[in-house]
Amino acid sequence: MNFHELRIIVGQIKRGIDCARCQRIYKDEDITLIGIMSDEQTLFAVYCPKCQYESFVNVGIHIDETPCTLPKFTKLGSAPRKGQITTNDVLDISNFLKDFEGDFYSLFNQKK
């Protein structure tokens, strides 16, 4: 995927998706590329500075010329906007995942 294709996707996000909480239209600076999983799938984060709501947008690329419509997404909740991800953040997650067995239920229901 090249820069031109990413710009097209960002344009489609701006035209097709607005803030789930306040319906504000996203601007370029509100959209962050999280990762490209394959040639057909890309993940973006969208952030609304007006109401501080953050969501994720998983973009699937259709190879054929059949037009598609954007579905309405379920609201996932909001989290405060954090700073840039640091090298230590990545190392912390990597170390955590080495021993993690995939049991999210136990992880989120632990007593602190």
C-alpha atoms as a PDB file:
ATOM      1  CA  MET A   1       0.000   0.000   0.000  1.00  0.00           C
ATOM      2  CA  ASN A   2       1.450   3.344  -0.966  1.00  0.00           C
ATOM      3  CA  PHE A   3       0.953   6.885   0.336  1.00  0.00           C
ATOM      4  CA  HIS A   4      -1.569   7.754  -2.373  1.00  0.00           C
ATOM      5  CA  GLU A   5      -3.765   4.789  -1.417  1.00  0.00           C
ATOM      6  CA  LEU A   6      -3.569   5.757   2.272  1.00  0.00           C
ATOM      7  CA  ARG A   7      -4.651   9.307   1.424  1.00  0.00           C
ATOM      8  CA  ILE A   8      -7.667   7.907  -0.433  1.00  0.00           C
ATOM      9  CA  ILE A   9      -8.611   5.799   2.610  1.00  0.00           C
ATOM     10  CA  VAL A  10      -8.245   8.795   4.963  1.00  0.00           C
ATOM     11  CA  GLY A  11     -10.489  10.812   2.625  1.00  0.00           C
ATOM     12  CA  GLN A  12     -13.116   8.079   2.695  1.00  0.00           C
ATOM     13  CA  ILE A  13     -12.971   7.925   6.498  1.00  0.00           C
ATOM     14  CA  LYS A  14     -13.501  11.710   6.670  1.00  0.00           C
ATOM     15  CA  ARG A  15     -16.479  11.528   4.289  1.00  0.00           C
ATOM     16  CA  GLY A  16     -18.076   8.372   5.658  1.00  0.00           C
ATOM     17  CA  ILE A  17     -17.521   8.345   9.423  1.00  0.00           C
ATOM     18  CA  ASP A  18     -18.158  11.030  12.021  1.00  0.00           C
ATOM     19  CA  CYS A  19     -17.669  11.044  15.780  1.00  0.00           C
ATOM     20  CA  ALA A  20     -19.948   8.464  17.383  1.00  0.00           C
ATOM     21  CA  ARG A  21     -20.520  10.719  20.398  1.00  0.00           C
ATOM     22  CA  CYS A  22     -20.928  14.273  19.013  1.00  0.00           C
ATOM     23  CA  GLN A  23     -21.137  13.693  15.222  1.00  0.00           C
ATOM     24  CA  ARG A  24     -18.174  16.017  14.537  1.00  0.00           C
ATOM     25  CA  ILE A  25     -16.557  15.426  11.135  1.00  0.00           C
ATOM     26  CA  TYR A  26     -12.973  14.194  11.426  1.00  0.00           C
ATOM     27  CA  LYS A  27     -10.049  16.169  10.020  1.00  0.00           C
ATOM     28  CA  ASP A  28      -6.719  14.778   8.771  1.00  0.00           C
ATOM     29  CA  GLU A  29      -5.008  15.449  12.099  1.00  0.00           C
ATOM     30  CA  ASP A  30      -7.686  13.439  13.935  1.00  0.00           C
ATOM     31  CA  ILE A  31      -6.859  10.223  12.042  1.00  0.00           C
ATOM     32  CA  THR A  32      -3.822   8.103  12.941  1.00  0.00           C
ATOM     33  CA  LEU A  33      -2.585   5.052  11.083  1.00  0.00           C
ATOM     34  CA  ILE A  34      -2.118   2.249  13.618  1.00  0.00           C
ATOM     35  CA  GLY A  35      -0.973  -0.514  11.309  1.00  0.00           C
ATOM     36  CA  ILE A  36      -1.271  -2.266   7.987  1.00  0.00           C
ATOM     37  CA  MET A  37      -2.163  -5.898   8.598  1.00  0.00           C
ATOM     38  CA  SER A  38      -2.150  -6.899   4.904  1.00  0.00           C
ATOM     39  CA  ASP A  39      -2.725  -5.418   1.460  1.00  0.00           C
ATOM     40  CA  GLU A  40      -6.459  -5.677   2.162  1.00  0.00           C
ATOM     41  CA  GLN A  41      -6.703  -4.551   5.796  1.00  0.00           C
ATOM     42  CA  THR A  42      -5.573  -1.409   7.631  1.00  0.00           C
ATOM     43  CA  LEU A  43      -6.275  -0.163  11.174  1.00  0.00           C
ATOM     44  CA  PHE A  44      -6.740   3.515  12.061  1.00  0.00           C
ATOM     45  CA  ALA A  45      -7.488   5.374  15.291  1.00  0.00           C
ATOM     46  CA  VAL A  46      -9.811   8.378  15.084  1.00  0.00           C
ATOM     47  CA  TYR A  47      -9.882  10.990  17.841  1.00  0.00           C
ATOM     48  CA  CYS A  48     -12.407  13.761  18.367  1.00  0.00           C
ATOM     49  CA  PRO A  49     -10.806  16.785  20.057  1.00  0.00           C
ATOM     50  CA  LYS A  50     -14.241  18.289  20.696  1.00  0.00           C
ATOM     51  CA  CYS A  51     -15.574  15.548  23.009  1.00  0.00           C
ATOM     52  CA  GLN A  52     -12.325  13.577  23.459  1.00  0.00           C
ATOM     53  CA  TYR A  53     -13.867  10.351  22.129  1.00  0.00           C
ATOM     54  CA  GLU A  54     -11.520   7.841  20.494  1.00  0.00           C
ATOM     55  CA  SER A  55     -12.426   4.936  18.237  1.00  0.00           C
ATOM     56  CA  PHE A  56     -10.736   2.450  15.971  1.00  0.00           C
ATOM     57  CA  VAL A  57     -11.551   1.996  12.300  1.00  0.00           C
ATOM     58  CA  ASN A  58     -10.653  -1.284  10.623  1.00  0.00           C
ATOM     59  CA  VAL A  59     -10.581  -0.695   6.867  1.00  0.00           C
ATOM     60  CA  GLY A  60     -11.031  -3.634   4.529  1.00  0.00           C
ATOM     61  CA  ILE A  61     -10.021  -2.992   0.923  1.00  0.00           C
ATOM     62  CA  HIS A  62     -12.344  -4.485  -1.693  1.00  0.00           C
ATOM     63  CA  ILE A  63     -10.469  -5.528  -4.818  1.00  0.00           C
ATOM     64  CA  ASP A  64     -13.554  -5.722  -7.048  1.00  0.00           C
ATOM     65  CA  GLU A  65     -15.416  -2.665  -8.317  1.00  0.00           C
ATOM     66  CA  THR A  66     -18.632  -3.426  -6.418  1.00  0.00           C
ATOM     67  CA  PRO A  67     -19.600  -0.383  -4.314  1.00  0.00           C
ATOM     68  CA  CYS A  68     -19.967  -0.955  -0.598  1.00  0.00           C
ATOM     69  CA  THR A  69     -21.592   0.993   2.212  1.00  0.00           C
ATOM     70  CA  LEU A  70     -20.091   1.729   5.595  1.00  0.00           C
ATOM     71  CA  PRO A  71     -21.830  -0.051   8.475  1.00  0.00           C
ATOM     72  CA  LYS A  72     -22.751   1.696  11.697  1.00  0.00           C
ATOM     73  CA  PHE A  73     -20.306   0.730  14.419  1.00  0.00           C
ATOM     74  CA  THR A  74     -21.008  -0.081  18.036  1.00  0.00           C
ATOM     75  CA  LYS A  75     -19.664   2.448  20.495  1.00  0.00           C
ATOM     76  CA  LEU A  76     -16.737   0.923  22.355  1.00  0.00           C
ATOM     77  CA  GLY A  77     -16.333   3.581  25.016  1.00  0.00           C
ATOM     78  CA  SER A  78     -13.775   6.285  25.434  1.00  0.00           C
ATOM     79  CA  ALA A  79     -10.355   6.599  26.939  1.00  0.00           C
ATOM     80  CA  PRO A  80      -8.286   9.672  27.661  1.00  0.00           C
ATOM     81  CA  ARG A  81      -5.908  10.600  24.862  1.00  0.00           C
ATOM     82  CA  LYS A  82      -2.378   9.572  25.782  1.00  0.00           C
ATOM     83  CA  GLY A  83       0.969  10.787  24.470  1.00  0.00           C
ATOM     84  CA  GLN A  84       3.101   9.072  21.868  1.00  0.00           C
ATOM     85  CA  ILE A  85       3.940   5.396  22.320  1.00  0.00           C
ATOM     86  CA  THR A  86       7.492   5.071  23.627  1.00  0.00           C
ATOM     87  CA  THR A  87      10.071   2.330  23.205  1.00  0.00           C
ATOM     88  CA  ASN A  88       9.495   1.371  26.840  1.00  0.00           C
ATOM     89  CA  ASP A  89       5.759   0.988  26.159  1.00  0.00           C
ATOM     90  CA  VAL A  90       6.498  -1.470  23.357  1.00  0.00           C
ATOM     91  CA  LEU A  91       8.983  -3.391  25.527  1.00  0.00           C
ATOM     92  CA  ASP A  92       6.458  -3.547  28.397  1.00  0.00           C
ATOM     93  CA  ILE A  93       3.794  -5.038  26.121  1.00  0.00           C
ATOM     94  CA  SER A  94       6.308  -7.458  24.595  1.00  0.00           C
ATOM     95  CA  ASN A  95       7.384  -8.662  28.045  1.00  0.00           C
ATOM     96  CA  PHE A  96       3.756  -8.987  29.151  1.00  0.00           C
ATOM     97  CA  LEU A  97       2.797 -11.024  26.063  1.00  0.00           C
ATOM     98  CA  LYS A  98       5.661 -13.510  26.560  1.00  0.00           C
ATOM     99  CA  ASP A  99       3.864 -15.000  29.583  1.00  0.00           C
ATOM    100  CA  PHE A 100       0.263 -14.104  28.717  1.00  0.00           C
ATOM    101  CA  GLU A 101      -1.901 -17.149  28.009  1.00  0.00           C
ATOM    102  CA  GLY A 102      -4.809 -15.293  26.403  1.00  0.00           C
ATOM    103  CA  ASP A 103      -7.250 -15.369  29.338  1.00  0.00           C
ATOM    104  CA  PHE A 104      -8.661 -11.836  29.197  1.00  0.00           C
ATOM    105  CA  TYR A 105     -11.534 -12.690  31.538  1.00  0.00           C
ATOM    106  CA  SER A 106      -9.153 -13.487  34.403  1.00  0.00           C
ATOM    107  CA  LEU A 107      -6.906 -10.573  33.527  1.00  0.00           C
ATOM    108  CA  PHE A 108      -9.676  -7.956  33.730  1.00  0.00           C
ATOM    109  CA  ASN A 109     -11.381  -9.484  36.768  1.00  0.00           C
ATOM    110  CA  GLN A 110      -8.315  -9.585  39.014  1.00  0.00           C
ATOM    111  CA  LYS A 111      -8.650  -7.891  42.387  1.00  0.00           C
ATOM    112  CA  LYS A 112      -6.046  -5.178  42.855  1.00  0.00           C
END
